[in-house]
Amino acid sequence: MAQVDPQRLCVIRATERILLPDKGAQFGQFGALNASPEETWGMDAEGMRGDAKKPFDIARTVQRGANNRVYLCRIIWGKPNRLIKP
């Protein structure tokens, strides 16, 4: 998660924050939901794939700590999100 520079339309690197723990699996196709003006949810699941040569061999992924988890993180905003109607 990060703040975006509205003029340059790019991420402000100093504002980046990690939302989900890295257990060795791939992430992608995440979802985000504005639950309320004060709270947003982020969702993702660990992708259990091997490398390019052995895509179905997930031994290294499991060895690093991945186990096909599904994550939901809650972001509680300090100020209400004005783009969300209560």
PDB file of N, CA and C in Angstrom:
ATOM      1  N   MET A   1       0.862  -1.149   0.000  1.00  0.00           N
ATOM      2  CA  MET A   1       0.000   0.000   0.000  1.00  0.00           C
ATOM      3  C   MET A   1       0.913   1.218   0.000  1.00  0.00           C
ATOM      4  N   ALA A   2       0.520   2.255  -0.743  1.00  0.00           N
ATOM      5  CA  ALA A   2       1.346   3.454  -0.798  1.00  0.00           C
ATOM      6  C   ALA A   2       0.515   4.649  -1.255  1.00  0.00           C
ATOM      7  N   GLN A   3       1.040   5.813  -0.980  1.00  0.00           N
ATOM      8  CA  GLN A   3       0.435   7.051  -1.457  1.00  0.00           C
ATOM      9  C   GLN A   3       0.871   7.271  -2.909  1.00  0.00           C
ATOM     10  N   VAL A   4      -0.006   7.871  -3.702  1.00  0.00           N
ATOM     11  CA  VAL A   4       0.296   8.147  -5.105  1.00  0.00           C
ATOM     12  C   VAL A   4       0.479   9.640  -5.300  1.00  0.00           C
ATOM     13  N   ASP A   5       1.501  10.010  -6.063  1.00  0.00           N
ATOM     14  CA  ASP A   5       1.718  11.406  -6.436  1.00  0.00           C
ATOM     15  C   ASP A   5       0.710  11.741  -7.547  1.00  0.00           C
ATOM     16  N   PRO A   6      -0.272  12.627  -7.288  1.00  0.00           N
ATOM     17  CA  PRO A   6      -1.314  12.881  -8.283  1.00  0.00           C
ATOM     18  C   PRO A   6      -0.818  13.582  -9.552  1.00  0.00           C
ATOM     19  N   GLN A   7       0.283  14.314  -9.482  1.00  0.00           N
ATOM     20  CA  GLN A   7       0.801  14.984 -10.678  1.00  0.00           C
ATOM     21  C   GLN A   7       1.548  13.987 -11.580  1.00  0.00           C
ATOM     22  N   ARG A   8       2.376  13.162 -10.978  1.00  0.00           N
ATOM     23  CA  ARG A   8       3.195  12.225 -11.767  1.00  0.00           C
ATOM     24  C   ARG A   8       2.540  10.863 -11.927  1.00  0.00           C
ATOM     25  N   LEU A   9       1.455  10.600 -11.163  1.00  0.00           N
ATOM     26  CA  LEU A   9       0.752   9.316 -11.196  1.00  0.00           C
ATOM     27  C   LEU A   9       1.700   8.138 -10.975  1.00  0.00           C
ATOM     28  N   CYS A  10       2.482   8.260  -9.897  1.00  0.00           N
ATOM     29  CA  CYS A  10       3.377   7.172  -9.521  1.00  0.00           C
ATOM     30  C   CYS A  10       3.375   7.038  -7.989  1.00  0.00           C
ATOM     31  N   VAL A  11       3.813   5.894  -7.526  1.00  0.00           N
ATOM     32  CA  VAL A  11       3.862   5.611  -6.095  1.00  0.00           C
ATOM     33  C   VAL A  11       4.966   6.432  -5.436  1.00  0.00           C
ATOM     34  N   ILE A  12       4.682   6.962  -4.257  1.00  0.00           N
ATOM     35  CA  ILE A  12       5.701   7.655  -3.459  1.00  0.00           C
ATOM     36  C   ILE A  12       6.365   6.589  -2.591  1.00  0.00           C
ATOM     37  N   ARG A  13       7.564   6.209  -2.968  1.00  0.00           N
ATOM     38  CA  ARG A  13       8.256   5.063  -2.367  1.00  0.00           C
ATOM     39  C   ARG A  13       8.349   5.148  -0.840  1.00  0.00           C
ATOM     40  N   ALA A  14       8.577   6.316  -0.295  1.00  0.00           N
ATOM     41  CA  ALA A  14       8.727   6.471   1.159  1.00  0.00           C
ATOM     42  C   ALA A  14       7.442   6.143   1.922  1.00  0.00           C
ATOM     43  N   THR A  15       6.305   6.092   1.226  1.00  0.00           N
ATOM     44  CA  THR A  15       5.028   5.816   1.897  1.00  0.00           C
ATOM     45  C   THR A  15       4.602   4.350   1.785  1.00  0.00           C
ATOM     46  N   GLU A  16       5.387   3.523   1.092  1.00  0.00           N
ATOM     47  CA  GLU A  16       5.019   2.116   0.898  1.00  0.00           C
ATOM     48  C   GLU A  16       4.957   1.366   2.230  1.00  0.00           C
ATOM     49  N   ARG A  17       3.942   0.525   2.373  1.00  0.00           N
ATOM     50  CA  ARG A  17       3.770  -0.313   3.564  1.00  0.00           C
ATOM     51  C   ARG A  17       3.412  -1.725   3.124  1.00  0.00           C
ATOM     52  N   ILE A  18       3.975  -2.724   3.795  1.00  0.00           N
ATOM     53  CA  ILE A  18       3.678  -4.127   3.507  1.00  0.00           C
ATOM     54  C   ILE A  18       2.407  -4.504   4.256  1.00  0.00           C
ATOM     55  N   LEU A  19       1.444  -5.077   3.543  1.00  0.00           N
ATOM     56  CA  LEU A  19       0.173  -5.459   4.155  1.00  0.00           C
ATOM     57  C   LEU A  19       0.111  -6.937   4.530  1.00  0.00           C
ATOM     58  N   LEU A  20       0.753  -7.796   3.748  1.00  0.00           N
ATOM     59  CA  LEU A  20       0.640  -9.240   3.943  1.00  0.00           C
ATOM     60  C   LEU A  20       2.011  -9.846   4.212  1.00  0.00           C
ATOM     61  N   PRO A  21       2.090 -10.846   5.088  1.00  0.00           N
ATOM     62  CA  PRO A  21       3.381 -11.460   5.393  1.00  0.00           C
ATOM     63  C   PRO A  21       3.909 -12.282   4.216  1.00  0.00           C
ATOM     64  N   ASP A  22       5.209 -12.297   4.047  1.00  0.00           N
ATOM     65  CA  ASP A  22       5.852 -13.072   2.985  1.00  0.00           C
ATOM     66  C   ASP A  22       6.273 -14.425   3.550  1.00  0.00           C
ATOM     67  N   LYS A  23       5.567 -15.472   3.166  1.00  0.00           N
ATOM     68  CA  LYS A  23       5.868 -16.828   3.630  1.00  0.00           C
ATOM     69  C   LYS A  23       6.482 -17.679   2.531  1.00  0.00           C
ATOM     70  N   GLY A  24       6.901 -17.065   1.424  1.00  0.00           N
ATOM     71  CA  GLY A  24       7.561 -17.800   0.365  1.00  0.00           C
ATOM     72  C   GLY A  24       6.707 -18.109  -0.842  1.00  0.00           C
ATOM     73  N   ALA A  25       5.436 -17.820  -0.791  1.00  0.00           N
ATOM     74  CA  ALA A  25       4.555 -18.084  -1.932  1.00  0.00           C
ATOM     75  C   ALA A  25       4.387 -16.822  -2.767  1.00  0.00           C
ATOM     76  N   GLN A  26       3.856 -16.991  -3.956  1.00  0.00           N
ATOM     77  CA  GLN A  26       3.586 -15.857  -4.824  1.00  0.00           C
ATOM     78  C   GLN A  26       2.224 -15.257  -4.475  1.00  0.00           C
ATOM     79  N   PHE A  27       2.125 -13.936  -4.608  1.00  0.00           N
ATOM     80  CA  PHE A  27       0.854 -13.243  -4.465  1.00  0.00           C
ATOM     81  C   PHE A  27       0.480 -12.653  -5.813  1.00  0.00           C
ATOM     82  N   GLY A  28      -0.781 -12.381  -6.017  1.00  0.00           N
ATOM     83  CA  GLY A  28      -1.240 -11.741  -7.232  1.00  0.00           C
ATOM     84  C   GLY A  28      -2.755 -11.754  -7.267  1.00  0.00           C
ATOM     85  N   GLN A  29      -3.322 -10.941  -8.148  1.00  0.00           N
ATOM     86  CA  GLN A  29      -4.767 -10.882  -8.282  1.00  0.00           C
ATOM     87  C   GLN A  29      -5.440 -10.563  -6.945  1.00  0.00           C
ATOM     88  N   PHE A  30      -4.879  -9.609  -6.212  1.00  0.00           N
ATOM     89  CA  PHE A  30      -5.423  -9.221  -4.915  1.00  0.00           C
ATOM     90  C   PHE A  30      -6.743  -8.484  -5.090  1.00  0.00           C
ATOM     91  N   GLY A  31      -7.457  -8.354  -4.005  1.00  0.00           N
ATOM     92  CA  GLY A  31      -8.697  -7.600  -4.020  1.00  0.00           C
ATOM     93  C   GLY A  31      -8.679  -6.544  -2.934  1.00  0.00           C
ATOM     94  N   ALA A  32      -9.440  -5.491  -3.124  1.00  0.00           N
ATOM     95  CA  ALA A  32      -9.573  -4.438  -2.120  1.00  0.00           C
ATOM     96  C   ALA A  32     -11.044  -4.066  -2.019  1.00  0.00           C
ATOM     97  N   LEU A  33     -11.481  -3.798  -0.803  1.00  0.00           N
ATOM     98  CA  LEU A  33     -12.882  -3.464  -0.553  1.00  0.00           C
ATOM     99  C   LEU A  33     -12.943  -2.334   0.460  1.00  0.00           C
ATOM    100  N   ASN A  34     -13.643  -1.278   0.126  1.00  0.00           N
ATOM    101  CA  ASN A  34     -13.873  -0.200   1.083  1.00  0.00           C
ATOM    102  C   ASN A  34     -15.069  -0.603   1.939  1.00  0.00           C
ATOM    103  N   ALA A  35     -14.802  -1.112   3.137  1.00  0.00           N
ATOM    104  CA  ALA A  35     -15.866  -1.575   4.022  1.00  0.00           C
ATOM    105  C   ALA A  35     -16.663  -0.407   4.588  1.00  0.00           C
ATOM    106  N   SER A  36     -16.003   0.714   4.802  1.00  0.00           N
ATOM    107  CA  SER A  36     -16.638   1.932   5.309  1.00  0.00           C
ATOM    108  C   SER A  36     -15.679   3.086   5.040  1.00  0.00           C
ATOM    109  N   PRO A  37     -16.086   4.325   5.303  1.00  0.00           N
ATOM    110  CA  PRO A  37     -15.148   5.439   5.128  1.00  0.00           C
ATOM    111  C   PRO A  37     -13.927   5.344   6.053  1.00  0.00           C
ATOM    112  N   GLU A  38     -14.036   4.588   7.133  1.00  0.00           N
ATOM    113  CA  GLU A  38     -12.943   4.473   8.099  1.00  0.00           C
ATOM    114  C   GLU A  38     -12.103   3.213   7.909  1.00  0.00           C
ATOM    115  N   GLU A  39     -12.555   2.269   7.077  1.00  0.00           N
ATOM    116  CA  GLU A  39     -11.887   0.966   7.004  1.00  0.00           C
ATOM    117  C   GLU A  39     -11.898   0.403   5.582  1.00  0.00           C
ATOM    118  N   THR A  40     -10.740  -0.124   5.163  1.00  0.00           N
ATOM    119  CA  THR A  40     -10.603  -0.807   3.875  1.00  0.00           C
ATOM    120  C   THR A  40     -10.016  -2.185   4.139  1.00  0.00           C
ATOM    121  N   TRP A  41     -10.453  -3.171   3.356  1.00  0.00           N
ATOM    122  CA  TRP A  41      -9.929  -4.535   3.481  1.00  0.00           C
ATOM    123  C   TRP A  41      -9.120  -4.868   2.238  1.00  0.00           C
ATOM    124  N   GLY A  42      -8.018  -5.585   2.453  1.00  0.00           N
ATOM    125  CA  GLY A  42      -7.208  -6.122   1.364  1.00  0.00           C
ATOM    126  C   GLY A  42      -7.230  -7.637   1.460  1.00  0.00           C
ATOM    127  N   MET A  43      -7.360  -8.323   0.333  1.00  0.00           N
ATOM    128  CA  MET A  43      -7.449  -9.781   0.326  1.00  0.00           C
ATOM    129  C   MET A  43      -6.507 -10.357  -0.722  1.00  0.00           C
ATOM    130  N   ASP A  44      -5.921 -11.521  -0.404  1.00  0.00           N
ATOM    131  CA  ASP A  44      -5.103 -12.251  -1.365  1.00  0.00           C
ATOM    132  C   ASP A  44      -4.917 -13.666  -0.862  1.00  0.00           C
ATOM    133  N   ALA A  45      -4.407 -14.518  -1.718  1.00  0.00           N
ATOM    134  CA  ALA A  45      -4.133 -15.908  -1.358  1.00  0.00           C
ATOM    135  C   ALA A  45      -2.757 -16.287  -1.884  1.00  0.00           C
ATOM    136  N   GLU A  46      -2.101 -17.190  -1.183  1.00  0.00           N
ATOM    137  CA  GLU A  46      -0.782 -17.652  -1.619  1.00  0.00           C
ATOM    138  C   GLU A  46      -0.933 -18.516  -2.868  1.00  0.00           C
ATOM    139  N   GLY A  47      -0.135 -18.215  -3.878  1.00  0.00           N
ATOM    140  CA  GLY A  47      -0.112 -19.036  -5.089  1.00  0.00           C
ATOM    141  C   GLY A  47       0.866 -20.174  -4.886  1.00  0.00           C
ATOM    142  N   MET A  48       0.390 -21.385  -4.939  1.00  0.00           N
ATOM    143  CA  MET A  48       1.238 -22.553  -4.684  1.00  0.00           C
ATOM    144  C   MET A  48       1.727 -23.132  -6.011  1.00  0.00           C
ATOM    145  N   ARG A  49       2.774 -22.499  -6.567  1.00  0.00           N
ATOM    146  CA  ARG A  49       3.360 -22.953  -7.817  1.00  0.00           C
ATOM    147  C   ARG A  49       4.846 -23.135  -7.640  1.00  0.00           C
ATOM    148  N   GLY A  50       5.408 -23.992  -8.451  1.00  0.00           N
ATOM    149  CA  GLY A  50       6.852 -24.181  -8.451  1.00  0.00           C
ATOM    150  C   GLY A  50       7.512 -23.150  -9.357  1.00  0.00           C
ATOM    151  N   ASP A  51       8.735 -23.434  -9.774  1.00  0.00           N
ATOM    152  CA  ASP A  51       9.427 -22.506 -10.668  1.00  0.00           C
ATOM    153  C   ASP A  51       9.075 -22.806 -12.129  1.00  0.00           C
ATOM    154  N   ALA A  52       9.700 -22.105 -13.054  1.00  0.00           N
ATOM    155  CA  ALA A  52       9.356 -22.235 -14.475  1.00  0.00           C
ATOM    156  C   ALA A  52       9.656 -23.627 -15.017  1.00  0.00           C
ATOM    157  N   LYS A  53      10.725 -24.269 -14.528  1.00  0.00           N
ATOM    158  CA  LYS A  53      11.096 -25.596 -15.034  1.00  0.00           C
ATOM    159  C   LYS A  53      10.200 -26.695 -14.471  1.00  0.00           C
ATOM    160  N   LYS A  54       9.750 -26.536 -13.246  1.00  0.00           N
ATOM    161  CA  LYS A  54       8.904 -27.541 -12.584  1.00  0.00           C
ATOM    162  C   LYS A  54       7.710 -26.837 -11.937  1.00  0.00           C
ATOM    163  N   PRO A  55       6.729 -26.398 -12.735  1.00  0.00           N
ATOM    164  CA  PRO A  55       5.623 -25.596 -12.183  1.00  0.00           C
ATOM    165  C   PRO A  55       4.747 -26.333 -11.173  1.00  0.00           C
ATOM    166  N   PHE A  56       4.733 -27.659 -11.201  1.00  0.00           N
ATOM    167  CA  PHE A  56       3.881 -28.408 -10.273  1.00  0.00           C
ATOM    168  C   PHE A  56       4.641 -28.920  -9.052  1.00  0.00           C
ATOM    169  N   ASP A  57       5.939 -28.630  -8.981  1.00  0.00           N
ATOM    170  CA  ASP A  57       6.755 -29.034  -7.825  1.00  0.00           C
ATOM    171  C   ASP A  57       6.788 -27.873  -6.840  1.00  0.00           C
ATOM    172  N   ILE A  58       5.956 -27.957  -5.809  1.00  0.00           N
ATOM    173  CA  ILE A  58       5.842 -26.847  -4.851  1.00  0.00           C
ATOM    174  C   ILE A  58       6.710 -27.056  -3.614  1.00  0.00           C
ATOM    175  N   ALA A  59       7.636 -28.007  -3.668  1.00  0.00           N
ATOM    176  CA  ALA A  59       8.458 -28.319  -2.496  1.00  0.00           C
ATOM    177  C   ALA A  59       9.202 -27.094  -1.961  1.00  0.00           C
ATOM    178  N   ARG A  60       9.829 -26.302  -2.838  1.00  0.00           N
ATOM    179  CA  ARG A  60      10.572 -25.115  -2.374  1.00  0.00           C
ATOM    180  C   ARG A  60       9.632 -24.083  -1.771  1.00  0.00           C
ATOM    181  N   THR A  61       8.460 -23.920  -2.366  1.00  0.00           N
ATOM    182  CA  THR A  61       7.484 -22.967  -1.841  1.00  0.00           C
ATOM    183  C   THR A  61       7.046 -23.378  -0.443  1.00  0.00           C
ATOM    184  N   VAL A  62       6.763 -24.658  -0.249  1.00  0.00           N
ATOM    185  CA  VAL A  62       6.367 -25.168   1.065  1.00  0.00           C
ATOM    186  C   VAL A  62       7.532 -25.060   2.045  1.00  0.00           C
ATOM    187  N   GLN A  63       8.735 -25.371   1.584  1.00  0.00           N
ATOM    188  CA  GLN A  63       9.927 -25.297   2.439  1.00  0.00           C
ATOM    189  C   GLN A  63      10.142 -23.882   2.977  1.00  0.00           C
ATOM    190  N   ARG A  64       9.792 -22.868   2.192  1.00  0.00           N
ATOM    191  CA  ARG A  64       9.940 -21.471   2.633  1.00  0.00           C
ATOM    192  C   ARG A  64       8.825 -21.047   3.584  1.00  0.00           C
ATOM    193  N   GLY A  65       7.786 -21.881   3.751  1.00  0.00           N
ATOM    194  CA  GLY A  65       6.756 -21.577   4.740  1.00  0.00           C
ATOM    195  C   GLY A  65       5.360 -21.352   4.207  1.00  0.00           C
ATOM    196  N   ALA A  66       5.172 -21.448   2.898  1.00  0.00           N
ATOM    197  CA  ALA A  66       3.839 -21.235   2.326  1.00  0.00           C
ATOM    198  C   ALA A  66       2.984 -22.486   2.500  1.00  0.00           C
ATOM    199  N   ASN A  67       1.677 -22.285   2.704  1.00  0.00           N
ATOM    200  CA  ASN A  67       0.779 -23.442   2.810  1.00  0.00           C
ATOM    201  C   ASN A  67      -0.611 -23.166   2.239  1.00  0.00           C
ATOM    202  N   ASN A  68      -0.688 -22.284   1.236  1.00  0.00           N
ATOM    203  CA  ASN A  68      -1.952 -21.991   0.555  1.00  0.00           C
ATOM    204  C   ASN A  68      -2.902 -21.148   1.407  1.00  0.00           C
ATOM    205  N   ARG A  69      -2.358 -20.256   2.225  1.00  0.00           N
ATOM    206  CA  ARG A  69      -3.164 -19.396   3.082  1.00  0.00           C
ATOM    207  C   ARG A  69      -3.968 -18.376   2.280  1.00  0.00           C
ATOM    208  N   VAL A  70      -5.078 -17.967   2.835  1.00  0.00           N
ATOM    209  CA  VAL A  70      -5.862 -16.845   2.319  1.00  0.00           C
ATOM    210  C   VAL A  70      -5.765 -15.742   3.370  1.00  0.00           C
ATOM    211  N   TYR A  71      -5.454 -14.529   2.936  1.00  0.00           N
ATOM    212  CA  TYR A  71      -5.250 -13.408   3.856  1.00  0.00           C
ATOM    213  C   TYR A  71      -6.325 -12.344   3.686  1.00  0.00           C
ATOM    214  N   LEU A  72      -6.695 -11.758   4.800  1.00  0.00           N
ATOM    215  CA  LEU A  72      -7.559 -10.580   4.828  1.00  0.00           C
ATOM    216  C   LEU A  72      -6.906  -9.595   5.782  1.00  0.00           C
ATOM    217  N   CYS A  73      -6.585  -8.407   5.298  1.00  0.00           N
ATOM    218  CA  CYS A  73      -5.998  -7.392   6.177  1.00  0.00           C
ATOM    219  C   CYS A  73      -6.949  -6.209   6.268  1.00  0.00           C
ATOM    220  N   ARG A  74      -6.991  -5.615   7.433  1.00  0.00           N
ATOM    221  CA  ARG A  74      -7.844  -4.453   7.682  1.00  0.00           C
ATOM    222  C   ARG A  74      -6.970  -3.216   7.771  1.00  0.00           C
ATOM    223  N   ILE A  75      -7.352  -2.191   7.034  1.00  0.00           N
ATOM    224  CA  ILE A  75      -6.669  -0.905   7.093  1.00  0.00           C
ATOM    225  C   ILE A  75      -7.636   0.062   7.760  1.00  0.00           C
ATOM    226  N   ILE A  76      -7.250   0.581   8.915  1.00  0.00           N
ATOM    227  CA  ILE A  76      -8.062   1.548   9.642  1.00  0.00           C
ATOM    228  C   ILE A  76      -7.446   2.926   9.375  1.00  0.00           C
ATOM    229  N   TRP A  77      -8.209   3.785   8.726  1.00  0.00           N
ATOM    230  CA  TRP A  77      -7.709   5.093   8.331  1.00  0.00           C
ATOM    231  C   TRP A  77      -7.762   6.090   9.484  1.00  0.00           C
ATOM    232  N   GLY A  78      -6.769   6.960   9.536  1.00  0.00           N
ATOM    233  CA  GLY A  78      -6.736   8.016  10.538  1.00  0.00           C
ATOM    234  C   GLY A  78      -7.783   9.086  10.282  1.00  0.00           C
ATOM    235  N   LYS A  79      -8.098   9.316   9.002  1.00  0.00           N
ATOM    236  CA  LYS A  79      -9.140  10.253   8.596  1.00  0.00           C
ATOM    237  C   LYS A  79     -10.090   9.490   7.677  1.00  0.00           C
ATOM    238  N   PRO A  80     -11.384   9.764   7.748  1.00  0.00           N
ATOM    239  CA  PRO A  80     -12.324   9.052   6.865  1.00  0.00           C
ATOM    240  C   PRO A  80     -11.993   9.277   5.385  1.00  0.00           C
ATOM    241  N   ASN A  81     -12.194   8.231   4.604  1.00  0.00           N
ATOM    242  CA  ASN A  81     -12.005   8.294   3.161  1.00  0.00           C
ATOM    243  C   ASN A  81     -13.184   9.046   2.560  1.00  0.00           C
ATOM    244  N   ARG A  82     -12.940  10.239   2.020  1.00  0.00           N
ATOM    245  CA  ARG A  82     -14.016  11.079   1.506  1.00  0.00           C
ATOM    246  C   ARG A  82     -14.590  10.552   0.193  1.00  0.00           C
ATOM    247  N   LEU A  83     -13.936   9.593  -0.436  1.00  0.00           N
ATOM    248  CA  LEU A  83     -14.457   9.030  -1.680  1.00  0.00           C
ATOM    249  C   LEU A  83     -15.546   7.995  -1.446  1.00  0.00           C
ATOM    250  N   ILE A  84     -15.722   7.575  -0.190  1.00  0.00           N
ATOM    251  CA  ILE A  84     -16.691   6.538   0.154  1.00  0.00           C
ATOM    252  C   ILE A  84     -17.911   7.175   0.790  1.00  0.00           C
ATOM    253  N   LYS A  85     -19.069   6.836   0.291  1.00  0.00           N
ATOM    254  CA  LYS A  85     -20.319   7.313   0.869  1.00  0.00           C
ATOM    255  C   LYS A  85     -20.737   6.350   1.988  1.00  0.00           C
ATOM    256  N   PRO A  86     -21.039   6.868   3.201  1.00  0.00           N
ATOM    257  CA  PRO A  86     -21.413   5.976   4.308  1.00  0.00           C
ATOM    258  C   PRO A  86     -22.746   5.282   4.060  1.00  0.00           C
TER     259      PRO A  86
END
